[in-house]
Amino acid sequence: MAEMIRAKMPPAARAKQFAPFAALSGLEAALERKRRELERTERPILPEERCADLNDALCALQEDDRVKLRYYRRGAQRMITGIVTGIDCVTRTLTIGETRIAFSDLLDLQRL
């Protein structure tokens, strides 16, 4: 019997045999979405006194001030620290770096 001679597989094709394989593609993204849904919280209602304090802090704020903010967005409370790059009283937004935050979403504001 004549033996069959196989052609050698190129190294690039051989490497594919050992590449990682995700049997459940999209599972990680789905789990992350589910985790975010479970972490959702209601928007806190601030007492009038706290709203007045926030208003005073906003009035004293200037561009290039370094601040630490706590704000509410998409079902979660978030924190950001940075330099104020914009204050827009017409649209009632505050910009920290590239992040725009509505005045109504602010929960806490500290100048650093």
Protein backbone atom coordinates (compact mmCIF):
# COMPACT_ATOMS: atom_id res chain seq x y z
CA MET A 1 0.00 0.00 0.00
CA ALA A 2 1.16 3.42 -0.83
CA GLU A 3 1.27 5.87 2.01
CA MET A 4 -0.40 9.23 1.58
CA ILE A 5 1.85 12.18 2.06
CA ARG A 6 0.20 15.23 3.55
CA ALA A 7 1.27 18.72 2.69
CA LYS A 8 2.61 20.64 5.65
CA MET A 9 0.17 23.16 7.11
CA PRO A 10 1.41 26.76 7.01
CA PRO A 11 2.30 28.17 10.48
CA ALA A 12 -0.45 30.85 10.30
CA ALA A 13 -3.10 28.20 9.74
CA ARG A 14 -1.72 26.06 12.57
CA ALA A 15 -1.96 28.99 15.00
CA LYS A 16 -5.72 29.21 14.38
CA GLN A 17 -6.14 25.81 16.03
CA PHE A 18 -5.07 27.28 19.35
CA ALA A 19 -6.93 30.60 19.20
CA PRO A 20 -9.38 31.25 22.06
CA PHE A 21 -12.95 30.32 21.28
CA ALA A 22 -16.03 31.91 22.83
CA ALA A 23 -18.78 29.33 22.58
CA LEU A 24 -21.33 31.83 23.89
CA SER A 25 -20.50 34.96 21.96
CA GLY A 26 -22.13 38.04 23.46
CA LEU A 27 -22.49 36.44 26.90
CA GLU A 28 -20.14 38.94 28.57
CA ALA A 29 -22.02 41.92 27.10
CA ALA A 30 -25.38 40.46 28.14
CA LEU A 31 -24.16 39.86 31.70
CA GLU A 32 -22.84 43.43 31.89
CA ARG A 33 -26.20 44.83 30.73
CA LYS A 34 -28.04 42.70 33.29
CA ARG A 35 -25.67 43.84 36.07
CA ARG A 36 -26.31 47.49 35.18
CA GLU A 37 -30.09 46.91 35.20
CA LEU A 38 -29.91 45.36 38.67
CA GLU A 39 -27.83 48.26 40.00
CA ARG A 40 -30.35 50.89 38.93
CA THR A 41 -31.56 53.14 41.70
CA GLU A 42 -34.25 55.76 41.90
CA ARG A 43 -33.25 59.40 41.54
CA PRO A 44 -32.76 60.76 45.06
CA ILE A 45 -34.99 63.65 46.08
CA LEU A 46 -32.92 66.34 47.72
CA PRO A 47 -34.30 68.42 50.59
CA GLU A 48 -34.82 72.12 49.90
CA GLU A 49 -31.89 73.02 52.14
CA ARG A 50 -29.54 70.82 50.08
CA CYS A 51 -30.89 72.31 46.82
CA ALA A 52 -30.16 75.80 48.15
CA ASP A 53 -26.60 74.75 49.08
CA LEU A 54 -26.07 73.32 45.58
CA ASN A 55 -27.43 76.51 44.02
CA ASP A 56 -25.03 78.64 46.09
CA ALA A 57 -22.10 76.40 45.11
CA LEU A 58 -23.06 76.65 41.43
CA CYS A 59 -23.29 80.45 41.63
CA ALA A 60 -19.78 80.64 43.12
CA LEU A 61 -18.33 78.22 40.55
CA GLN A 62 -16.05 79.48 37.77
CA GLU A 63 -14.38 77.87 34.79
CA ASP A 64 -11.00 76.27 35.59
CA ASP A 65 -12.13 75.44 39.15
CA ARG A 66 -11.27 71.89 40.24
CA VAL A 67 -14.37 70.11 41.55
CA LYS A 68 -15.65 66.78 42.76
CA LEU A 69 -19.23 66.02 41.76
CA ARG A 70 -21.78 63.37 42.57
CA TYR A 71 -24.60 63.22 40.05
CA TYR A 72 -27.41 60.97 38.83
CA ARG A 73 -27.44 59.50 35.33
CA ARG A 74 -29.15 56.48 33.73
CA GLY A 75 -30.35 54.89 36.94
CA ALA A 76 -27.13 55.23 38.92
CA GLN A 77 -25.25 57.73 41.02
CA ARG A 78 -21.87 58.62 39.53
CA MET A 79 -18.80 60.53 40.71
CA ILE A 80 -16.42 62.70 38.71
CA THR A 81 -13.44 64.83 39.68
CA GLY A 82 -11.96 67.33 37.27
CA ILE A 83 -11.64 70.85 35.96
CA VAL A 84 -14.74 72.86 35.06
CA THR A 85 -14.48 73.53 31.33
CA GLY A 86 -17.89 75.11 30.86
CA ILE A 87 -20.89 76.52 32.70
CA ASP A 88 -23.95 77.15 30.54
CA CYS A 89 -26.76 78.92 32.38
CA VAL A 90 -29.03 78.86 29.31
CA THR A 91 -29.03 75.06 28.91
CA ARG A 92 -28.38 74.66 32.66
CA THR A 93 -25.39 72.35 32.19
CA LEU A 94 -21.97 72.05 33.72
CA THR A 95 -19.08 70.57 31.73
CA ILE A 96 -16.22 68.74 33.43
CA GLY A 97 -13.65 67.76 30.80
CA GLU A 98 -15.82 66.14 28.10
CA THR A 99 -18.71 65.23 30.44
CA ARG A 100 -21.84 67.44 30.41
CA ILE A 101 -24.01 67.29 33.50
CA ALA A 102 -27.41 68.92 33.87
CA PHE A 103 -27.81 71.11 36.93
CA SER A 104 -30.90 69.04 37.82
CA ASP A 105 -28.77 65.85 37.97
CA LEU A 106 -26.34 67.24 40.56
CA LEU A 107 -26.45 65.62 43.99
CA ASP A 108 -23.27 67.02 45.55
CA LEU A 109 -20.66 69.58 44.51
CA GLN A 110 -17.34 70.26 46.22
CA ARG A 111 -14.65 72.71 45.10
CA LEU A 112 -11.17 71.30 45.60
